[in-house]
Amino acid sequence: MTKPKPKTGEIVFSALKKLMKNTGWTCRTIIKFIKLEYKISDPRINRKVSRALKHGVRMGLLQMENGRYRLANNMSKSLTNCRAPIQKKRRCACVLRRQNSRLRDYRKN
């Protein structure tokens, strides 16, 4: 059996643990470290890592100051047990009117 691949967020979190520095690390240096350490050749790794970093900031696991990421001072949440709140997309009034009119037409028939 093959090992399950770790999620990008877990990889980023462990990379930041290994790269302990008070001033933090830029996204580009974190990506370079991950590519070297984990030997990842995924062409979409840049996007995945930047999304994982932003998600970590929203969750309160990471802090971002001056474009540099570091671990948060009070990490009471664990990475696997928490999820960011999902924000609903706001729809403009014209889309809602169009949907309501289609629904009314459907009910008439």
PDB file of N, CA and C in Angstrom:
ATOM      1  N   MET A   1       0.833  -1.176   0.000  1.00  0.00           N
ATOM      2  CA  MET A   1       0.000   0.000   0.000  1.00  0.00           C
ATOM      3  C   MET A   1       0.883   1.247   0.000  1.00  0.00           C
ATOM      4  N   THR A   2       0.392   2.268  -0.644  1.00  0.00           N
ATOM      5  CA  THR A   2       1.118   3.520  -0.658  1.00  0.00           C
ATOM      6  C   THR A   2       0.655   4.401   0.497  1.00  0.00           C
ATOM      7  N   LYS A   3       1.532   5.288   0.912  1.00  0.00           N
ATOM      8  CA  LYS A   3       1.177   6.202   1.990  1.00  0.00           C
ATOM      9  C   LYS A   3       0.207   7.245   1.466  1.00  0.00           C
ATOM     10  N   PRO A   4      -0.740   7.676   2.294  1.00  0.00           N
ATOM     11  CA  PRO A   4      -1.615   8.766   1.860  1.00  0.00           C
ATOM     12  C   PRO A   4      -0.814  10.064   1.798  1.00  0.00           C
ATOM     13  N   LYS A   5      -1.093  10.864   0.774  1.00  0.00           N
ATOM     14  CA  LYS A   5      -0.378  12.122   0.617  1.00  0.00           C
ATOM     15  C   LYS A   5      -0.822  13.101   1.691  1.00  0.00           C
ATOM     16  N   PRO A   6       0.121  13.800   2.318  1.00  0.00           N
ATOM     17  CA  PRO A   6      -0.297  14.813   3.294  1.00  0.00           C
ATOM     18  C   PRO A   6      -0.923  16.007   2.589  1.00  0.00           C
ATOM     19  N   LYS A   7      -1.847  16.658   3.268  1.00  0.00           N
ATOM     20  CA  LYS A   7      -2.504  17.818   2.690  1.00  0.00           C
ATOM     21  C   LYS A   7      -1.535  18.993   2.667  1.00  0.00           C
ATOM     22  N   THR A   8      -1.796  19.928   1.780  1.00  0.00           N
ATOM     23  CA  THR A   8      -0.906  21.073   1.611  1.00  0.00           C
ATOM     24  C   THR A   8      -0.834  21.892   2.886  1.00  0.00           C
ATOM     25  N   GLY A   9      -1.952  22.053   3.574  1.00  0.00           N
ATOM     26  CA  GLY A   9      -1.951  22.809   4.820  1.00  0.00           C
ATOM     27  C   GLY A   9      -1.050  22.186   5.874  1.00  0.00           C
ATOM     28  N   GLU A  10      -1.071  20.860   5.956  1.00  0.00           N
ATOM     29  CA  GLU A  10      -0.211  20.170   6.909  1.00  0.00           C
ATOM     30  C   GLU A  10       1.255  20.332   6.540  1.00  0.00           C
ATOM     31  N   ILE A  11       1.555  20.296   5.247  1.00  0.00           N
ATOM     32  CA  ILE A  11       2.930  20.477   4.783  1.00  0.00           C
ATOM     33  C   ILE A  11       3.415  21.882   5.127  1.00  0.00           C
ATOM     34  N   VAL A  12       2.589  22.876   4.882  1.00  0.00           N
ATOM     35  CA  VAL A  12       2.956  24.267   5.166  1.00  0.00           C
ATOM     36  C   VAL A  12       3.153  24.457   6.663  1.00  0.00           C
ATOM     37  N   PHE A  13       2.280  23.894   7.449  1.00  0.00           N
ATOM     38  CA  PHE A  13       2.366  24.041   8.899  1.00  0.00           C
ATOM     39  C   PHE A  13       3.656  23.419   9.433  1.00  0.00           C
ATOM     40  N   SER A  14       3.989  22.213   8.965  1.00  0.00           N
ATOM     41  CA  SER A  14       5.215  21.572   9.428  1.00  0.00           C
ATOM     42  C   SER A  14       6.454  22.301   8.905  1.00  0.00           C
ATOM     43  N   ALA A  15       6.371  22.880   7.707  1.00  0.00           N
ATOM     44  CA  ALA A  15       7.500  23.648   7.179  1.00  0.00           C
ATOM     45  C   ALA A  15       7.747  24.886   8.026  1.00  0.00           C
ATOM     46  N   LEU A  16       6.679  25.557   8.449  1.00  0.00           N
ATOM     47  CA  LEU A  16       6.847  26.727   9.296  1.00  0.00           C
ATOM     48  C   LEU A  16       7.364  26.359  10.682  1.00  0.00           C
ATOM     49  N   LYS A  17       7.031  25.168  11.163  1.00  0.00           N
ATOM     50  CA  LYS A  17       7.587  24.715  12.440  1.00  0.00           C
ATOM     51  C   LYS A  17       9.093  24.516  12.316  1.00  0.00           C
ATOM     52  N   LYS A  18       9.530  23.969  11.164  1.00  0.00           N
ATOM     53  CA  LYS A  18      10.957  23.731  10.952  1.00  0.00           C
ATOM     54  C   LYS A  18      11.707  25.033  10.696  1.00  0.00           C
ATOM     55  N   LEU A  19      11.052  26.007  10.103  1.00  0.00           N
ATOM     56  CA  LEU A  19      11.686  27.274   9.752  1.00  0.00           C
ATOM     57  C   LEU A  19      11.446  28.336  10.817  1.00  0.00           C
ATOM     58  N   MET A  20      11.635  28.003  12.062  1.00  0.00           N
ATOM     59  CA  MET A  20      11.347  28.952  13.137  1.00  0.00           C
ATOM     60  C   MET A  20      12.226  30.189  12.995  1.00  0.00           C
ATOM     61  N   LYS A  21      11.573  31.331  12.881  1.00  0.00           N
ATOM     62  CA  LYS A  21      12.255  32.615  12.805  1.00  0.00           C
ATOM     63  C   LYS A  21      11.269  33.669  13.285  1.00  0.00           C
ATOM     64  N   ASN A  22      11.720  34.586  14.104  1.00  0.00           N
ATOM     65  CA  ASN A  22      10.802  35.560  14.694  1.00  0.00           C
ATOM     66  C   ASN A  22      10.191  36.488  13.664  1.00  0.00           C
ATOM     67  N   THR A  23      10.943  36.848  12.621  1.00  0.00           N
ATOM     68  CA  THR A  23      10.415  37.788  11.640  1.00  0.00           C
ATOM     69  C   THR A  23       9.493  37.129  10.638  1.00  0.00           C
ATOM     70  N   GLY A  24       9.524  35.821  10.520  1.00  0.00           N
ATOM     71  CA  GLY A  24       8.659  35.106   9.598  1.00  0.00           C
ATOM     72  C   GLY A  24       9.325  34.861   8.262  1.00  0.00           C
ATOM     73  N   TRP A  25       8.594  34.226   7.365  1.00  0.00           N
ATOM     74  CA  TRP A  25       9.103  33.845   6.054  1.00  0.00           C
ATOM     75  C   TRP A  25       8.138  34.304   4.980  1.00  0.00           C
ATOM     76  N   THR A  26       8.668  34.674   3.829  1.00  0.00           N
ATOM     77  CA  THR A  26       7.806  35.060   2.716  1.00  0.00           C
ATOM     78  C   THR A  26       7.232  33.811   2.066  1.00  0.00           C
ATOM     79  N   CYS A  27       6.198  34.006   1.290  1.00  0.00           N
ATOM     80  CA  CYS A  27       5.550  32.881   0.613  1.00  0.00           C
ATOM     81  C   CYS A  27       6.529  32.184  -0.329  1.00  0.00           C
ATOM     82  N   ARG A  28       7.336  32.957  -1.009  1.00  0.00           N
ATOM     83  CA  ARG A  28       8.285  32.395  -1.972  1.00  0.00           C
ATOM     84  C   ARG A  28       9.325  31.514  -1.288  1.00  0.00           C
ATOM     85  N   THR A  29       9.846  31.935  -0.135  1.00  0.00           N
ATOM     86  CA  THR A  29      10.843  31.115   0.552  1.00  0.00           C
ATOM     87  C   THR A  29      10.220  29.855   1.142  1.00  0.00           C
ATOM     88  N   ILE A  30       8.967  29.952   1.577  1.00  0.00           N
ATOM     89  CA  ILE A  30       8.279  28.760   2.090  1.00  0.00           C
ATOM     90  C   ILE A  30       8.093  27.749   0.965  1.00  0.00           C
ATOM     91  N   ILE A  31       7.714  28.231  -0.220  1.00  0.00           N
ATOM     92  CA  ILE A  31       7.525  27.339  -1.368  1.00  0.00           C
ATOM     93  C   ILE A  31       8.842  26.669  -1.752  1.00  0.00           C
ATOM     94  N   LYS A  32       9.931  27.434  -1.768  1.00  0.00           N
ATOM     95  CA  LYS A  32      11.244  26.857  -2.097  1.00  0.00           C
ATOM     96  C   LYS A  32      11.633  25.781  -1.096  1.00  0.00           C
ATOM     97  N   PHE A  33      11.396  26.049   0.197  1.00  0.00           N
ATOM     98  CA  PHE A  33      11.727  25.075   1.225  1.00  0.00           C
ATOM     99  C   PHE A  33      10.902  23.811   1.067  1.00  0.00           C
ATOM    100  N   ILE A  34       9.623  23.966   0.794  1.00  0.00           N
ATOM    101  CA  ILE A  34       8.741  22.799   0.640  1.00  0.00           C
ATOM    102  C   ILE A  34       9.173  21.967  -0.573  1.00  0.00           C
ATOM    103  N   LYS A  35       9.513  22.629  -1.672  1.00  0.00           N
ATOM    104  CA  LYS A  35       9.955  21.894  -2.864  1.00  0.00           C
ATOM    105  C   LYS A  35      11.217  21.102  -2.592  1.00  0.00           C
ATOM    106  N   LEU A  36      12.151  21.676  -1.828  1.00  0.00           N
ATOM    107  CA  LEU A  36      13.399  20.974  -1.515  1.00  0.00           C
ATOM    108  C   LEU A  36      13.198  19.877  -0.479  1.00  0.00           C
ATOM    109  N   GLU A  37      12.453  20.179   0.561  1.00  0.00           N
ATOM    110  CA  GLU A  37      12.291  19.242   1.667  1.00  0.00           C
ATOM    111  C   GLU A  37      11.430  18.038   1.297  1.00  0.00           C
ATOM    112  N   TYR A  38      10.322  18.271   0.609  1.00  0.00           N
ATOM    113  CA  TYR A  38       9.373  17.208   0.326  1.00  0.00           C
ATOM    114  C   TYR A  38       9.477  16.674  -1.105  1.00  0.00           C
ATOM    115  N   LYS A  39      10.375  17.266  -1.902  1.00  0.00           N
ATOM    116  CA  LYS A  39      10.591  16.836  -3.288  1.00  0.00           C
ATOM    117  C   LYS A  39       9.285  16.792  -4.077  1.00  0.00           C
ATOM    118  N   ILE A  40       8.566  17.896  -4.049  1.00  0.00           N
ATOM    119  CA  ILE A  40       7.288  18.012  -4.743  1.00  0.00           C
ATOM    120  C   ILE A  40       7.519  18.650  -6.098  1.00  0.00           C
ATOM    121  N   SER A  41       6.963  18.059  -7.138  1.00  0.00           N
ATOM    122  CA  SER A  41       7.118  18.612  -8.484  1.00  0.00           C
ATOM    123  C   SER A  41       5.765  19.011  -9.079  1.00  0.00           C
ATOM    124  N   ASP A  42       4.793  19.246  -8.243  1.00  0.00           N
ATOM    125  CA  ASP A  42       3.467  19.646  -8.699  1.00  0.00           C
ATOM    126  C   ASP A  42       3.530  21.069  -9.250  1.00  0.00           C
ATOM    127  N   PRO A  43       3.095  21.298 -10.482  1.00  0.00           N
ATOM    128  CA  PRO A  43       3.171  22.661 -11.038  1.00  0.00           C
ATOM    129  C   PRO A  43       2.229  23.644 -10.358  1.00  0.00           C
ATOM    130  N   ARG A  44       1.227  23.153  -9.640  1.00  0.00           N
ATOM    131  CA  ARG A  44       0.270  24.036  -8.970  1.00  0.00           C
ATOM    132  C   ARG A  44       0.602  24.262  -7.501  1.00  0.00           C
ATOM    133  N   ILE A  45       1.825  23.887  -7.078  1.00  0.00           N
ATOM    134  CA  ILE A  45       2.166  23.979  -5.656  1.00  0.00           C
ATOM    135  C   ILE A  45       2.184  25.431  -5.180  1.00  0.00           C
ATOM    136  N   ASN A  46       2.561  26.372  -6.039  1.00  0.00           N
ATOM    137  CA  ASN A  46       2.604  27.780  -5.634  1.00  0.00           C
ATOM    138  C   ASN A  46       1.226  28.262  -5.199  1.00  0.00           C
ATOM    139  N   ARG A  47       0.225  27.963  -6.001  1.00  0.00           N
ATOM    140  CA  ARG A  47      -1.137  28.378  -5.693  1.00  0.00           C
ATOM    141  C   ARG A  47      -1.658  27.674  -4.446  1.00  0.00           C
ATOM    142  N   LYS A  48      -1.356  26.380  -4.320  1.00  0.00           N
ATOM    143  CA  LYS A  48      -1.834  25.624  -3.167  1.00  0.00           C
ATOM    144  C   LYS A  48      -1.235  26.145  -1.867  1.00  0.00           C
ATOM    145  N   VAL A  49       0.066  26.453  -1.898  1.00  0.00           N
ATOM    146  CA  VAL A  49       0.726  26.938  -0.684  1.00  0.00           C
ATOM    147  C   VAL A  49       0.201  28.324  -0.308  1.00  0.00           C
ATOM    148  N   SER A  50       0.039  29.206  -1.286  1.00  0.00           N
ATOM    149  CA  SER A  50      -0.451  30.547  -0.955  1.00  0.00           C
ATOM    150  C   SER A  50      -1.873  30.492  -0.406  1.00  0.00           C
ATOM    151  N   ARG A  51      -2.702  29.608  -0.936  1.00  0.00           N
ATOM    152  CA  ARG A  51      -4.056  29.444  -0.391  1.00  0.00           C
ATOM    153  C   ARG A  51      -4.028  28.872   1.015  1.00  0.00           C
ATOM    154  N   ALA A  52      -3.119  27.907   1.248  1.00  0.00           N
ATOM    155  CA  ALA A  52      -3.014  27.316   2.581  1.00  0.00           C
ATOM    156  C   ALA A  52      -2.530  28.357   3.593  1.00  0.00           C
ATOM    157  N   LEU A  53      -1.631  29.241   3.177  1.00  0.00           N
ATOM    158  CA  LEU A  53      -1.152  30.290   4.072  1.00  0.00           C
ATOM    159  C   LEU A  53      -2.281  31.265   4.420  1.00  0.00           C
ATOM    160  N   LYS A  54      -3.048  31.672   3.420  1.00  0.00           N
ATOM    161  CA  LYS A  54      -4.157  32.589   3.672  1.00  0.00           C
ATOM    162  C   LYS A  54      -5.209  31.930   4.562  1.00  0.00           C
ATOM    163  N   HIS A  55      -5.453  30.650   4.336  1.00  0.00           N
ATOM    164  CA  HIS A  55      -6.422  29.912   5.154  1.00  0.00           C
ATOM    165  C   HIS A  55      -5.931  29.834   6.600  1.00  0.00           C
ATOM    166  N   GLY A  56      -4.629  29.604   6.781  1.00  0.00           N
ATOM    167  CA  GLY A  56      -4.058  29.556   8.125  1.00  0.00           C
ATOM    168  C   GLY A  56      -4.178  30.877   8.852  1.00  0.00           C
ATOM    169  N   VAL A  57      -4.049  31.981   8.116  1.00  0.00           N
ATOM    170  CA  VAL A  57      -4.208  33.303   8.722  1.00  0.00           C
ATOM    171  C   VAL A  57      -5.659  33.513   9.148  1.00  0.00           C
ATOM    172  N   ARG A  58      -6.610  33.106   8.280  1.00  0.00           N
ATOM    173  CA  ARG A  58      -8.030  33.235   8.629  1.00  0.00           C
ATOM    174  C   ARG A  58      -8.386  32.406   9.849  1.00  0.00           C
ATOM    175  N   MET A  59      -7.750  31.242   9.981  1.00  0.00           N
ATOM    176  CA  MET A  59      -8.052  30.355  11.102  1.00  0.00           C
ATOM    177  C   MET A  59      -7.404  30.808  12.402  1.00  0.00           C
ATOM    178  N   GLY A  60      -6.420  31.676  12.309  1.00  0.00           N
ATOM    179  CA  GLY A  60      -5.723  32.120  13.504  1.00  0.00           C
ATOM    180  C   GLY A  60      -4.522  31.271  13.846  1.00  0.00           C
ATOM    181  N   LEU A  61      -4.148  30.333  12.965  1.00  0.00           N
ATOM    182  CA  LEU A  61      -2.981  29.497  13.202  1.00  0.00           C
ATOM    183  C   LEU A  61      -1.691  30.207  12.819  1.00  0.00           C
ATOM    184  N   LEU A  62      -1.777  31.108  11.849  1.00  0.00           N
ATOM    185  CA  LEU A  62      -0.616  31.835  11.360  1.00  0.00           C
ATOM    186  C   LEU A  62      -0.858  33.333  11.495  1.00  0.00           C
ATOM    187  N   GLN A  63       0.241  34.075  11.519  1.00  0.00           N
ATOM    188  CA  GLN A  63       0.162  35.530  11.508  1.00  0.00           C
ATOM    189  C   GLN A  63       0.900  36.034  10.285  1.00  0.00           C
ATOM    190  N   MET A  64       0.399  37.108   9.686  1.00  0.00           N
ATOM    191  CA  MET A  64       1.082  37.718   8.560  1.00  0.00           C
ATOM    192  C   MET A  64       1.377  39.169   8.889  1.00  0.00           C
ATOM    193  N   GLU A  65       2.638  39.529   8.781  1.00  0.00           N
ATOM    194  CA  GLU A  65       3.053  40.906   8.987  1.00  0.00           C
ATOM    195  C   GLU A  65       4.054  41.259   7.907  1.00  0.00           C
ATOM    196  N   ASN A  66       3.792  42.333   7.194  1.00  0.00           N
ATOM    197  CA  ASN A  66       4.683  42.819   6.135  1.00  0.00           C
ATOM    198  C   ASN A  66       4.968  41.753   5.084  1.00  0.00           C
ATOM    199  N   GLY A  67       3.969  40.939   4.752  1.00  0.00           N
ATOM    200  CA  GLY A  67       4.134  39.920   3.728  1.00  0.00           C
ATOM    201  C   GLY A  67       4.896  38.695   4.188  1.00  0.00           C
ATOM    202  N   ARG A  68       5.120  38.562   5.486  1.00  0.00           N
ATOM    203  CA  ARG A  68       5.845  37.410   6.033  1.00  0.00           C
ATOM    204  C   ARG A  68       4.921  36.627   6.956  1.00  0.00           C
ATOM    205  N   TYR A  69       4.991  35.322   6.848  1.00  0.00           N
ATOM    206  CA  TYR A  69       4.130  34.443   7.628  1.00  0.00           C
ATOM    207  C   TYR A  69       4.932  33.797   8.749  1.00  0.00           C
ATOM    208  N   ARG A  70       4.294  33.647   9.899  1.00  0.00           N
ATOM    209  CA  ARG A  70       4.883  32.920  11.015  1.00  0.00           C
ATOM    210  C   ARG A  70       3.774  32.292  11.831  1.00  0.00           C
ATOM    211  N   LEU A  71       4.155  31.389  12.716  1.00  0.00           N
ATOM    212  CA  LEU A  71       3.166  30.726  13.552  1.00  0.00           C
ATOM    213  C   LEU A  71       2.583  31.713  14.545  1.00  0.00           C
ATOM    214  N   ALA A  72       1.324  31.563  14.857  1.00  0.00           N
ATOM    215  CA  ALA A  72       0.654  32.455  15.805  1.00  0.00           C
ATOM    216  C   ALA A  72       1.174  32.193  17.209  1.00  0.00           C
ATOM    217  N   ASN A  73       1.116  33.222  18.041  1.00  0.00           N
ATOM    218  CA  ASN A  73       1.619  33.098  19.409  1.00  0.00           C
ATOM    219  C   ASN A  73       0.782  32.141  20.239  1.00  0.00           C
ATOM    220  N   ASN A  74      -0.521  32.247  20.138  1.00  0.00           N
ATOM    221  CA  ASN A  74      -1.409  31.377  20.912  1.00  0.00           C
ATOM    222  C   ASN A  74      -2.109  30.421  19.959  1.00  0.00           C
ATOM    223  N   MET A  75      -1.543  29.260  19.797  1.00  0.00           N
ATOM    224  CA  MET A  75      -2.122  28.267  18.885  1.00  0.00           C
ATOM    225  C   MET A  75      -2.926  27.264  19.691  1.00  0.00           C
ATOM    226  N   SER A  76      -4.124  27.635  20.080  1.00  0.00           N
ATOM    227  CA  SER A  76      -4.971  26.732  20.848  1.00  0.00           C
ATOM    228  C   SER A  76      -5.743  25.784  19.939  1.00  0.00           C
ATOM    229  N   LYS A  77      -5.863  26.157  18.653  1.00  0.00           N
ATOM    230  CA  LYS A  77      -6.592  25.307  17.713  1.00  0.00           C
ATOM    231  C   LYS A  77      -5.627  24.332  17.054  1.00  0.00           C
ATOM    232  N   SER A  78      -6.096  23.160  16.757  1.00  0.00           N
ATOM    233  CA  SER A  78      -5.267  22.224  16.008  1.00  0.00           C
ATOM    234  C   SER A  78      -5.609  22.345  14.533  1.00  0.00           C
ATOM    235  N   LEU A  79      -4.678  21.955  13.687  1.00  0.00           N
ATOM    236  CA  LEU A  79      -4.857  22.136  12.256  1.00  0.00           C
ATOM    237  C   LEU A  79      -5.937  21.234  11.683  1.00  0.00           C
ATOM    238  N   THR A  80      -6.099  20.051  12.215  1.00  0.00           N
ATOM    239  CA  THR A  80      -7.027  19.097  11.614  1.00  0.00           C
ATOM    240  C   THR A  80      -8.459  19.273  12.081  1.00  0.00           C
ATOM    241  N   ASN A  81      -8.673  19.866  13.252  1.00  0.00           N
ATOM    242  CA  ASN A  81     -10.016  19.914  13.829  1.00  0.00           C
ATOM    243  C   ASN A  81     -10.808  21.173  13.509  1.00  0.00           C
ATOM    244  N   CYS A  82     -10.200  22.158  12.865  1.00  0.00           N
ATOM    245  CA  CYS A  82     -10.908  23.408  12.669  1.00  0.00           C
ATOM    246  C   CYS A  82     -11.085  23.713  11.191  1.00  0.00           C
ATOM    247  N   ARG A  83     -12.151  24.397  10.894  1.00  0.00           N
ATOM    248  CA  ARG A  83     -12.441  24.813   9.531  1.00  0.00           C
ATOM    249  C   ARG A  83     -12.862  26.269   9.541  1.00  0.00           C
ATOM    250  N   ALA A  84     -12.540  26.955   8.472  1.00  0.00           N
ATOM    251  CA  ALA A  84     -12.912  28.362   8.362  1.00  0.00           C
ATOM    252  C   ALA A  84     -14.408  28.466   8.103  1.00  0.00           C
ATOM    253  N   PRO A  85     -15.041  29.489   8.627  1.00  0.00           N
ATOM    254  CA  PRO A  85     -16.461  29.658   8.337  1.00  0.00           C
ATOM    255  C   PRO A  85     -16.670  29.971   6.860  1.00  0.00           C
ATOM    256  N   ILE A  86     -17.652  29.336   6.280  1.00  0.00           N
ATOM    257  CA  ILE A  86     -17.926  29.528   4.861  1.00  0.00           C
ATOM    258  C   ILE A  86     -18.809  30.747   4.705  1.00  0.00           C
ATOM    259  N   GLN A  87     -18.344  31.677   3.891  1.00  0.00           N
ATOM    260  CA  GLN A  87     -19.125  32.878   3.665  1.00  0.00           C
ATOM    261  C   GLN A  87     -19.982  32.679   2.428  1.00  0.00           C
ATOM    262  N   LYS A  88     -21.263  33.049   2.560  1.00  0.00           N
ATOM    263  CA  LYS A  88     -22.158  32.927   1.419  1.00  0.00           C
ATOM    264  C   LYS A  88     -21.899  34.068   0.461  1.00  0.00           C
ATOM    265  N   LYS A  89     -21.983  33.759  -0.811  1.00  0.00           N
ATOM    266  CA  LYS A  89     -21.825  34.785  -1.822  1.00  0.00           C
ATOM    267  C   LYS A  89     -23.077  35.635  -1.871  1.00  0.00           C
ATOM    268  N   ARG A  90     -22.881  36.926  -1.920  1.00  0.00           N
ATOM    269  CA  ARG A  90     -24.029  37.812  -2.061  1.00  0.00           C
ATOM    270  C   ARG A  90     -24.388  37.902  -3.528  1.00  0.00           C
ATOM    271  N   ARG A  91     -25.646  37.816  -3.814  1.00  0.00           N
ATOM    272  CA  ARG A  91     -26.109  37.903  -5.194  1.00  0.00           C
ATOM    273  C   ARG A  91     -26.763  39.252  -5.415  1.00  0.00           C
ATOM    274  N   CYS A  92     -26.591  39.764  -6.600  1.00  0.00           N
ATOM    275  CA  CYS A  92     -27.223  41.045  -6.887  1.00  0.00           C
ATOM    276  C   CYS A  92     -28.729  40.849  -7.061  1.00  0.00           C
ATOM    277  N   ALA A  93     -29.450  41.929  -6.963  1.00  0.00           N
ATOM    278  CA  ALA A  93     -30.908  41.877  -6.985  1.00  0.00           C
ATOM    279  C   ALA A  93     -31.440  41.370  -8.317  1.00  0.00           C
ATOM    280  N   CYS A  94     -30.746  41.699  -9.432  1.00  0.00           N
ATOM    281  CA  CYS A  94     -31.249  41.275 -10.744  1.00  0.00           C
ATOM    282  C   CYS A  94     -31.203  39.755 -10.879  1.00  0.00           C
ATOM    283  N   VAL A  95     -30.189  39.106 -10.309  1.00  0.00           N
ATOM    284  CA  VAL A  95     -30.106  37.641 -10.376  1.00  0.00           C
ATOM    285  C   VAL A  95     -31.223  37.020  -9.554  1.00  0.00           C
ATOM    286  N   LEU A  96     -31.479  37.584  -8.388  1.00  0.00           N
ATOM    287  CA  LEU A  96     -32.545  37.050  -7.536  1.00  0.00           C
ATOM    288  C   LEU A  96     -33.917  37.220  -8.188  1.00  0.00           C
ATOM    289  N   ARG A  97     -34.158  38.377  -8.832  1.00  0.00           N
ATOM    290  CA  ARG A  97     -35.435  38.589  -9.521  1.00  0.00           C
ATOM    291  C   ARG A  97     -35.616  37.585 -10.653  1.00  0.00           C
ATOM    292  N   ARG A  98     -34.530  37.336 -11.393  1.00  0.00           N
ATOM    293  CA  ARG A  98     -34.596  36.397 -12.509  1.00  0.00           C
ATOM    294  C   ARG A  98     -34.932  34.997 -11.999  1.00  0.00           C
ATOM    295  N   GLN A  99     -34.312  34.587 -10.895  1.00  0.00           N
ATOM    296  CA  GLN A  99     -34.592  33.271 -10.338  1.00  0.00           C
ATOM    297  C   GLN A  99     -36.028  33.178  -9.839  1.00  0.00           C
ATOM    298  N   ASN A 100     -36.507  34.231  -9.204  1.00  0.00           N
ATOM    299  CA  ASN A 100     -37.895  34.225  -8.705  1.00  0.00           C
ATOM    300  C   ASN A 100     -38.892  34.178  -9.850  1.00  0.00           C
ATOM    301  N   SER A 101     -38.619  34.895 -10.950  1.00  0.00           N
ATOM    302  CA  SER A 101     -39.549  34.870 -12.078  1.00  0.00           C
ATOM    303  C   SER A 101     -39.571  33.487 -12.732  1.00  0.00           C
ATOM    304  N   ARG A 102     -38.437  32.832 -12.809  1.00  0.00           N
ATOM    305  CA  ARG A 102     -38.404  31.473 -13.363  1.00  0.00           C
ATOM    306  C   ARG A 102     -39.189  30.513 -12.482  1.00  0.00           C
ATOM    307  N   LEU A 103     -39.084  30.707 -11.188  1.00  0.00           N
ATOM    308  CA  LEU A 103     -39.814  29.861 -10.259  1.00  0.00           C
ATOM    309  C   LEU A 103     -41.317  30.081 -10.391  1.00  0.00           C
ATOM    310  N   ARG A 104     -41.728  31.343 -10.552  1.00  0.00           N
ATOM    311  CA  ARG A 104     -43.146  31.632 -10.725  1.00  0.00           C
ATOM    312  C   ARG A 104     -43.666  31.038 -12.040  1.00  0.00           C
ATOM    313  N   ASP A 105     -42.883  31.136 -13.107  1.00  0.00           N
ATOM    314  CA  ASP A 105     -43.301  30.549 -14.381  1.00  0.00           C
ATOM    315  C   ASP A 105     -43.447  29.044 -14.283  1.00  0.00           C
ATOM    316  N   TYR A 106     -42.553  28.424 -13.536  1.00  0.00           N
ATOM    317  CA  TYR A 106     -42.588  26.974 -13.357  1.00  0.00           C
ATOM    318  C   TYR A 106     -43.839  26.579 -12.573  1.00  0.00           C
ATOM    319  N   ARG A 107     -44.205  27.348 -11.560  1.00  0.00           N
ATOM    320  CA  ARG A 107     -45.370  27.034 -10.735  1.00  0.00           C
ATOM    321  C   ARG A 107     -46.663  27.226 -11.509  1.00  0.00           C
ATOM    322  N   LYS A 108     -46.693  28.164 -12.449  1.00  0.00           N
ATOM    323  CA  LYS A 108     -47.907  28.401 -13.234  1.00  0.00           C
ATOM    324  C   LYS A 108     -48.206  27.225 -14.133  1.00  0.00           C
ATOM    325  N   ASN A 109     -47.189  26.605 -14.670  1.00  0.00           N
ATOM    326  CA  ASN A 109     -47.403  25.488 -15.611  1.00  0.00           C
ATOM    327  C   ASN A 109     -47.739  24.257 -14.927  1.00  0.00           C
TER     328      ASN A 109
END
